C-alpha atoms as a PDB file:
ATOM      1  CA  MET A   1       8.392 -11.906  64.667  1.00  0.00           C
ATOM      2  CA  HIS A   2      10.412  -8.505  65.811  1.00  0.00           C
ATOM      3  CA  GLN A   3       9.861  -7.295  62.088  1.00  0.00           C
ATOM      4  CA  HIS A   4       5.927  -7.790  62.161  1.00  0.00           C
ATOM      5  CA  GLY A   5       5.543  -6.134  65.737  1.00  0.00           C
ATOM      6  CA  GLN A   6       4.180  -2.283  64.483  1.00  0.00           C
ATOM      7  CA  THR A   7       1.804  -4.437  62.068  1.00  0.00           C
ATOM      8  CA  ASN A   8       0.693  -6.962  64.923  1.00  0.00           C
ATOM      9  CA  CYS A   9       0.014  -3.576  67.403  1.00  0.00           C
ATOM     10  CA  ALA A  10      -2.052  -1.777  64.637  1.00  0.00           C
ATOM     11  CA  LEU A  11      -3.793  -5.135  63.742  1.00  0.00           C
ATOM     12  CA  ALA A  12      -4.425  -6.120  68.035  1.00  0.00           C
ATOM     13  CA  ARG A  13      -6.113  -2.398  68.358  1.00  0.00           C
ATOM     14  CA  HIS A  14      -8.887  -3.745  66.140  1.00  0.00           C
ATOM     15  CA  GLY A  15      -9.251  -6.776  67.731  1.00  0.00           C
ATOM     16  CA  LEU A  16      -7.628  -9.123  64.886  1.00  0.00           C
ATOM     17  CA  SER A  17      -4.958 -11.167  64.817  1.00  0.00           C
ATOM     18  CA  TYR A  18      -2.222 -11.247  61.778  1.00  0.00           C
ATOM     19  CA  ARG A  19      -1.766 -13.761  58.876  1.00  0.00           C
ATOM     20  CA  LYS A  20      -0.199 -13.797  55.537  1.00  0.00           C
ATOM     21  CA  SER A  21      -1.424 -11.814  52.711  1.00  0.00           C
ATOM     22  CA  THR A  22      -0.104 -10.232  49.222  1.00  0.00           C
ATOM     23  CA  ASP A  23       0.963  -6.847  49.020  1.00  0.00           C
ATOM     24  CA  PHE A  24       1.037  -4.961  45.665  1.00  0.00           C
ATOM     25  CA  ARG A  25       3.603  -6.079  44.467  1.00  0.00           C
ATOM     26  CA  GLY A  26       2.575  -9.801  45.400  1.00  0.00           C
ATOM     27  CA  HIS A  27       4.754 -10.626  47.854  1.00  0.00           C
ATOM     28  CA  THR A  28       3.366 -11.899  51.363  1.00  0.00           C
ATOM     29  CA  ILE A  29       3.898 -10.319  54.267  1.00  0.00           C
ATOM     30  CA  SER A  30       6.052 -12.851  55.683  1.00  0.00           C
ATOM     31  CA  ASP A  31       7.872 -12.314  52.766  1.00  0.00           C
ATOM     32  CA  LEU A  32       9.195  -8.825  53.342  1.00  0.00           C
ATOM     33  CA  PRO A  33      12.607  -8.558  53.806  1.00  0.00           C
ATOM     34  CA  SER A  34      12.857  -7.080  57.663  1.00  0.00           C
ATOM     35  CA  ILE A  35      13.094  -3.463  58.594  1.00  0.00           C
ATOM     36  CA  ASP A  36      16.882  -3.289  58.744  1.00  0.00           C
ATOM     37  CA  ALA A  37      17.204  -5.140  55.434  1.00  0.00           C
ATOM     38  CA  ALA A  38      14.963  -2.574  54.250  1.00  0.00           C
ATOM     39  CA  TYR A  39      16.876   0.209  55.417  1.00  0.00           C
ATOM     40  CA  GLN A  40      19.829  -1.668  53.755  1.00  0.00           C
ATOM     41  CA  ASP A  41      18.052  -2.222  49.951  1.00  0.00           C
ATOM     42  CA  ARG A  42      16.389   1.157  50.432  1.00  0.00           C
ATOM     43  CA  ASP A  43      13.153  -0.303  50.156  1.00  0.00           C
ATOM     44  CA  PHE A  44      11.226   2.327  51.761  1.00  0.00           C
ATOM     45  CA  ALA A  45       8.012   2.431  49.472  1.00  0.00           C
ATOM     46  CA  ASN A  46       7.283  -1.360  50.273  1.00  0.00           C
ATOM     47  CA  LEU A  47       8.177  -0.773  54.029  1.00  0.00           C
ATOM     48  CA  ALA A  48       6.137   2.605  54.469  1.00  0.00           C
ATOM     49  CA  PHE A  49       2.572   0.459  52.409  1.00  0.00           C
ATOM     50  CA  ALA A  50       2.961  -2.433  54.955  1.00  0.00           C
ATOM     51  CA  TYR A  51       3.865  -0.750  58.281  1.00  0.00           C
ATOM     52  CA  ALA A  52       2.000   2.661  57.668  1.00  0.00           C
ATOM     53  CA  PRO A  53      -0.011   3.552  61.039  1.00  0.00           C
ATOM     54  CA  ILE A  54      -2.659   4.805  58.926  1.00  0.00           C
ATOM     55  CA  GLY A  55      -4.599   3.077  56.287  1.00  0.00           C
ATOM     56  CA  LEU A  56      -3.860   3.189  52.983  1.00  0.00           C
ATOM     57  CA  VAL A  57      -5.763   2.154  49.609  1.00  0.00           C
ATOM     58  CA  VAL A  58      -5.073   1.844  45.731  1.00  0.00           C
ATOM     59  CA  THR A  59      -7.953   1.948  44.054  1.00  0.00           C
ATOM     60  CA  GLU A  60      -8.779   1.859  40.257  1.00  0.00           C
ATOM     61  CA  SER A  61     -12.727   2.940  39.093  1.00  0.00           C
ATOM     62  CA  ARG A  62     -13.519   2.764  43.166  1.00  0.00           C
ATOM     63  CA  VAL A  63     -12.166  -0.930  43.191  1.00  0.00           C
ATOM     64  CA  ILE A  64     -10.210  -1.522  45.464  1.00  0.00           C
ATOM     65  CA  ARG A  65      -6.976  -3.029  44.264  1.00  0.00           C
ATOM     66  CA  ASP A  66      -4.617  -3.417  47.130  1.00  0.00           C
ATOM     67  CA  CYS A  67      -4.299  -2.071  50.743  1.00  0.00           C
ATOM     68  CA  ASN A  68      -2.217  -2.088  53.468  1.00  0.00           C
ATOM     69  CA  PRO A  69      -2.975  -4.297  57.019  1.00  0.00           C
ATOM     70  CA  THR A  70      -3.960  -1.060  58.947  1.00  0.00           C
ATOM     71  CA  PHE A  71      -6.785  -0.550  56.158  1.00  0.00           C
ATOM     72  CA  ALA A  72      -7.655  -3.521  56.398  1.00  0.00           C
ATOM     73  CA  ALA A  73      -7.852  -4.249  60.248  1.00  0.00           C
ATOM     74  CA  MET A  74      -9.425  -0.537  60.693  1.00  0.00           C
ATOM     75  CA  PHE A  75     -12.425  -2.275  58.505  1.00  0.00           C
ATOM     76  CA  GLY A  76     -12.150  -5.551  60.148  1.00  0.00           C
ATOM     77  CA  TYR A  77     -11.316  -7.764  57.175  1.00  0.00           C
ATOM     78  CA  GLU A  78      -8.139  -9.506  55.745  1.00  0.00           C
ATOM     79  CA  ARG A  79      -6.480  -7.765  52.844  1.00  0.00           C
ATOM     80  CA  GLU A  80      -7.082 -10.307  50.891  1.00  0.00           C
ATOM     81  CA  GLU A  81     -11.054 -10.306  51.184  1.00  0.00           C
ATOM     82  CA  LEU A  82     -10.686  -6.681  49.875  1.00  0.00           C
ATOM     83  CA  GLN A  83      -8.663  -7.105  47.085  1.00  0.00           C
ATOM     84  CA  ASP A  84     -10.694  -6.602  43.874  1.00  0.00           C
ATOM     85  CA  HIS A  85     -13.903  -5.772  45.708  1.00  0.00           C
ATOM     86  CA  THR A  86     -15.994  -2.764  45.482  1.00  0.00           C
ATOM     87  CA  PHE A  87     -15.180  -0.021  48.016  1.00  0.00           C
ATOM     88  CA  ALA A  88     -19.370  -0.077  48.326  1.00  0.00           C
ATOM     89  CA  THR A  89     -18.587  -3.257  50.696  1.00  0.00           C
ATOM     90  CA  LEU A  90     -17.685  -0.382  53.104  1.00  0.00           C
ATOM     91  CA  TYR A  91     -20.746   2.217  53.270  1.00  0.00           C
ATOM     92  CA  PRO A  92     -23.304   2.042  55.181  1.00  0.00           C
ATOM     93  CA  THR A  93     -26.072   1.637  52.146  1.00  0.00           C
ATOM     94  CA  GLN A  94     -25.610   1.386  48.360  1.00  0.00           C
ATOM     95  CA  GLU A  95     -27.423   4.507  48.075  1.00  0.00           C
ATOM     96  CA  GLU A  96     -24.513   6.229  50.100  1.00  0.00           C
ATOM     97  CA  PHE A  97     -21.911   4.960  47.841  1.00  0.00           C
ATOM     98  CA  ALA A  98     -23.693   5.840  44.928  1.00  0.00           C
ATOM     99  CA  ASN A  99     -24.172   9.959  46.245  1.00  0.00           C
ATOM    100  CA  ILE A 100     -20.761  10.224  47.631  1.00  0.00           C
ATOM    101  CA  ARG A 101     -19.574   9.576  44.396  1.00  0.00           C
ATOM    102  CA  HIS A 102     -19.359  13.128  43.199  1.00  0.00           C
ATOM    103  CA  ARG A 103     -18.200  14.676  46.357  1.00  0.00           C
ATOM    104  CA  GLY A 104     -14.537  16.185  46.034  1.00  0.00           C
ATOM    105  CA  ILE A 105     -14.280  15.512  42.152  1.00  0.00           C
ATOM    106  CA  GLN A 106     -14.193  18.754  41.110  1.00  0.00           C
ATOM    107  CA  GLU A 107     -11.343  19.712  43.608  1.00  0.00           C
ATOM    108  CA  LEU A 108      -9.405  16.335  43.004  1.00  0.00           C
ATOM    109  CA  ARG A 109      -9.210  17.641  39.220  1.00  0.00           C
ATOM    110  CA  GLU A 110      -8.197  21.410  39.974  1.00  0.00           C
ATOM    111  CA  THR A 111      -5.436  20.463  42.732  1.00  0.00           C
ATOM    112  CA  ASN A 112      -5.067  17.022  43.033  1.00  0.00           C
ATOM    113  CA  GLN A 113      -6.023  17.299  46.844  1.00  0.00           C
ATOM    114  CA  TYR A 114      -9.159  16.417  48.543  1.00  0.00           C
ATOM    115  CA  TRP A 115     -10.525  15.568  51.820  1.00  0.00           C
ATOM    116  CA  ASP A 116     -13.529  15.129  54.429  1.00  0.00           C
ATOM    117  CA  GLU A 117     -14.955  13.374  56.931  1.00  0.00           C
ATOM    118  CA  ARG A 118     -17.283  10.520  56.840  1.00  0.00           C
ATOM    119  CA  VAL A 119     -19.208   7.893  58.233  1.00  0.00           C
ATOM    120  CA  MET A 120     -18.053   4.095  57.044  1.00  0.00           C
ATOM    121  CA  MET A 121     -18.838   0.344  58.055  1.00  0.00           C
ATOM    122  CA  ARG A 122     -16.464  -2.663  59.418  1.00  0.00           C
ATOM    123  CA  ASN A 123     -17.232  -5.737  58.754  1.00  0.00           C
ATOM    124  CA  GLY A 124     -20.610  -7.018  61.068  1.00  0.00           C
ATOM    125  CA  GLY A 125     -22.017  -3.499  60.393  1.00  0.00           C
ATOM    126  CA  ASP A 126     -20.681  -0.942  62.949  1.00  0.00           C
ATOM    127  CA  LEU A 127     -20.740   2.524  61.976  1.00  0.00           C
ATOM    128  CA  PHE A 128     -17.414   4.668  62.191  1.00  0.00           C
ATOM    129  CA  TRP A 129     -16.477   8.038  61.711  1.00  0.00           C
ATOM    130  CA  CYS A 130     -13.035   8.269  59.190  1.00  0.00           C
ATOM    131  CA  ARG A 131     -10.912  11.065  57.624  1.00  0.00           C
ATOM    132  CA  VAL A 132     -10.131  10.320  54.010  1.00  0.00           C
ATOM    133  CA  ARG A 133      -7.521  11.924  52.081  1.00  0.00           C
ATOM    134  CA  GLY A 134      -7.225  11.116  48.383  1.00  0.00           C
ATOM    135  CA  HIS A 135      -4.430  11.892  45.766  1.00  0.00           C
ATOM    136  CA  SER A 136      -5.612  10.847  41.566  1.00  0.00           C
ATOM    137  CA  PHE A 137      -2.964   9.456  39.132  1.00  0.00           C
ATOM    138  CA  THR A 138      -5.460  10.705  36.665  1.00  0.00           C
ATOM    139  CA  PRO A 139      -6.516  13.841  37.703  1.00  0.00           C
ATOM    140  CA  GLU A 140      -8.743  14.315  34.438  1.00  0.00           C
ATOM    141  CA  ASP A 141     -10.695  11.641  35.596  1.00  0.00           C
ATOM    142  CA  PRO A 142     -10.074  11.385  39.359  1.00  0.00           C
ATOM    143  CA  LEU A 143     -11.433   8.201  40.263  1.00  0.00           C
ATOM    144  CA  THR A 144      -9.932   5.905  37.405  1.00  0.00           C
ATOM    145  CA  ARG A 145      -7.134   5.193  39.730  1.00  0.00           C
ATOM    146  CA  ALA A 146      -6.193   6.675  42.875  1.00  0.00           C
ATOM    147  CA  VAL A 147      -4.509   6.332  46.482  1.00  0.00           C
ATOM    148  CA  TRP A 148      -6.546   7.546  49.524  1.00  0.00           C
ATOM    149  CA  SER A 149      -5.751   7.238  53.383  1.00  0.00           C
ATOM    150  CA  PHE A 150      -8.213   6.511  55.822  1.00  0.00           C
ATOM    151  CA  ALA A 151      -7.989   7.573  59.595  1.00  0.00           C
ATOM    152  CA  ASP A 152     -10.355   5.961  62.181  1.00  0.00           C
ATOM    153  CA  LEU A 153     -11.886   8.708  64.419  1.00  0.00           C
ATOM    154  CA  SER A 154     -13.456   6.912  66.963  1.00  0.00           C
ATOM    155  CA  ASP A 155     -11.431   7.631  69.708  1.00  0.00           C
ATOM    156  CA  SER A 156     -12.161  11.160  69.522  1.00  0.00           C
ATOM    157  CA  ARG A 157     -15.222  11.267  67.924  1.00  0.00           C
ATOM    158  CA  PRO A 158     -17.742   8.501  68.554  1.00  0.00           C
ATOM    159  CA  TYR A 159     -20.172   7.638  65.685  1.00  0.00           C
ATOM    160  CA  HIS A 160     -24.140   8.629  67.111  1.00  0.00           C
ATOM    161  CA  PRO A 161     -26.879   7.187  65.000  1.00  0.00           C
ATOM    162  CA  LEU A 162     -28.195   9.840  62.428  1.00  0.00           C
ATOM    163  CA  THR A 163     -31.322   9.523  60.791  1.00  0.00           C
ATOM    164  CA  ARG A 164     -31.431  10.322  56.562  1.00  0.00           C
ATOM    165  CA  ARG A 165     -33.302  13.747  58.041  1.00  0.00           C
ATOM    166  CA  GLU A 166     -31.370  14.080  60.741  1.00  0.00           C
ATOM    167  CA  ARG A 167     -28.257  13.824  58.369  1.00  0.00           C
ATOM    168  CA  GLU A 168     -30.035  16.384  55.753  1.00  0.00           C
ATOM    169  CA  VAL A 169     -30.895  18.898  58.315  1.00  0.00           C
ATOM    170  CA  PHE A 170     -27.100  18.659  59.513  1.00  0.00           C
ATOM    171  CA  SER A 171     -25.818  18.867  55.727  1.00  0.00           C
ATOM    172  CA  LEU A 172     -27.658  21.976  55.390  1.00  0.00           C
ATOM    173  CA  MET A 173     -27.044  23.723  58.822  1.00  0.00           C
ATOM    174  CA  GLY A 174     -23.442  23.377  57.928  1.00  0.00           C
ATOM    175  CA  GLU A 175     -24.183  25.379  54.705  1.00  0.00           C
ATOM    176  CA  GLY A 176     -25.479  28.414  56.568  1.00  0.00           C
ATOM    177  CA  LEU A 177     -29.283  27.806  55.710  1.00  0.00           C
ATOM    178  CA  THR A 178     -31.770  28.671  58.710  1.00  0.00           C
ATOM    179  CA  SER A 179     -34.396  26.550  59.600  1.00  0.00           C
ATOM    180  CA  LYS A 180     -37.262  28.167  57.444  1.00  0.00           C
ATOM    181  CA  GLU A 181     -34.776  27.955  54.320  1.00  0.00           C
ATOM    182  CA  ILE A 182     -34.191  24.393  55.197  1.00  0.00           C
ATOM    183  CA  ALA A 183     -37.864  23.558  55.689  1.00  0.00           C
ATOM    184  CA  ILE A 184     -38.531  24.809  52.590  1.00  0.00           C
ATOM    185  CA  LYS A 185     -35.626  23.051  50.882  1.00  0.00           C
ATOM    186  CA  LEU A 186     -36.754  19.631  52.397  1.00  0.00           C
ATOM    187  CA  GLN A 187     -40.302  20.437  51.733  1.00  0.00           C
ATOM    188  CA  MET A 188     -41.637  20.286  55.531  1.00  0.00           C
ATOM    189  CA  SER A 189     -42.688  22.482  58.075  1.00  0.00           C
ATOM    190  CA  ASN A 190     -40.340  24.650  60.280  1.00  0.00           C
ATOM    191  CA  ARG A 191     -41.439  23.000  63.252  1.00  0.00           C
ATOM    192  CA  THR A 192     -39.998  19.640  62.047  1.00  0.00           C
ATOM    193  CA  VAL A 193     -36.413  21.130  61.511  1.00  0.00           C
ATOM    194  CA  GLU A 194     -36.559  22.701  64.747  1.00  0.00           C
ATOM    195  CA  VAL A 195     -37.435  19.056  66.042  1.00  0.00           C
ATOM    196  CA  HIS A 196     -34.259  17.358  64.013  1.00  0.00           C
ATOM    197  CA  ARG A 197     -32.058  20.279  64.945  1.00  0.00           C
ATOM    198  CA  ALA A 198     -33.034  19.679  68.980  1.00  0.00           C
ATOM    199  CA  ASN A 199     -32.018  15.976  68.473  1.00  0.00           C
ATOM    200  CA  LEU A 200     -28.947  16.909  66.751  1.00  0.00           C
ATOM    201  CA  LEU A 201     -27.738  19.292  69.787  1.00  0.00           C
ATOM    202  CA  LYS A 202     -29.364  16.442  72.097  1.00  0.00           C
ATOM    203  CA  LYS A 203     -27.280  13.871  70.521  1.00  0.00           C
ATOM    204  CA  PHE A 204     -23.874  15.658  70.791  1.00  0.00           C
ATOM    205  CA  GLY A 205     -24.154  16.847  73.824  1.00  0.00           C
ATOM    206  CA  ALA A 206     -24.243  20.715  72.472  1.00  0.00           C
ATOM    207  CA  SER A 207     -25.852  23.534  73.537  1.00  0.00           C
ATOM    208  CA  ASN A 208     -26.098  25.596  70.411  1.00  0.00           C
ATOM    209  CA  THR A 209     -25.035  25.530  66.453  1.00  0.00           C
ATOM    210  CA  ALA A 210     -21.760  26.210  66.980  1.00  0.00           C
ATOM    211  CA  GLY A 211     -21.166  23.611  69.494  1.00  0.00           C
ATOM    212  CA  LEU A 212     -22.353  21.440  67.639  1.00  0.00           C
ATOM    213  CA  PHE A 213     -20.330  21.653  64.597  1.00  0.00           C
ATOM    214  CA  GLN A 214     -16.931  21.931  67.174  1.00  0.00           C
ATOM    215  CA  SER A 215     -18.597  18.193  68.459  1.00  0.00           C
ATOM    216  CA  LEU A 216     -17.841  17.282  65.406  1.00  0.00           C
ATOM    217  CA  GLY A 217     -14.113  18.312  64.731  1.00  0.00           C
ATOM    218  CA  ALA A 218     -14.830  22.190  63.778  1.00  0.00           C
ATOM    219  CA  ILE A 219     -14.546  21.295  60.444  1.00  0.00           C
ATOM    220  CA  GLY A 220     -16.185  23.281  57.347  1.00  0.00           C
ATOM    221  CA  SER A 221     -19.242  22.136  55.894  1.00  0.00           C
ATOM    222  CA  ASN A 222     -17.020  21.281  52.608  1.00  0.00           C
ATOM    223  CA  HIS A 223     -15.954  18.720  54.479  1.00  0.00           C
ATOM    224  CA  ILE A 224     -18.905  16.657  56.085  1.00  0.00           C
ATOM    225  CA  ALA A 225     -19.425  13.897  53.416  1.00  0.00           C
ATOM    226  CA  SER A 226     -23.400  14.512  53.146  1.00  0.00           C
ATOM    227  CA  THR A 227     -24.232  11.542  51.647  1.00  0.00           C
ATOM    228  CA  SER A 228     -28.570  11.365  51.974  1.00  0.00           C
ATOM    229  CA  THR A 229     -30.520  12.425  49.508  1.00  0.00           C
ATOM    230  CA  ASN A 230     -33.872  14.719  49.424  1.00  0.00           C
ATOM    231  CA  ARG A 231     -36.770  12.488  49.137  1.00  0.00           C
END
């Protein structure tokens, strides 16, 4: 039982119990060596994957090939429920899954490093903010094979529901556009933009635009995954 203690703690934080599941080498967690044995055998890669306090997932063409227990617990699933399933399951809508595909592709091709902060969906439908970092094994076609880390930001950034238009306005504010420019881009009146802006400030308890972005972690607009479309 001791060797599973850290994993059980990670699962317990999400209200889930631990059970056997296979890892990326085809072993079940209960078949893994003890922590002491892993250190003795220098089996650090498997140990790190199984017990990492952050969600880790290996993908192929946006299909989850394997994930660690922390990732599965974060989203409210067992590992085998996610293995060989599309990542679309974890997005609020199919539209958002489709639209976010091109986010960061250029960065991965050029530097093989990418991160953003986005809204994802747990089993049962609850939405939450998480920080995503990626590394591609195939940088010429970054999404063919990649490894990703996911950090749950719920404790520091509770999710506040936003309408599609609020997400659009927020994203364009992050690009530095004025209310007038946003109105033209979204084909709405300047007054309507101001209403959406006021709603955003109210939802996040901010008095101005700078405070709004600070409440979202003071991250640049390039790292806020806007997954809505203009229509």
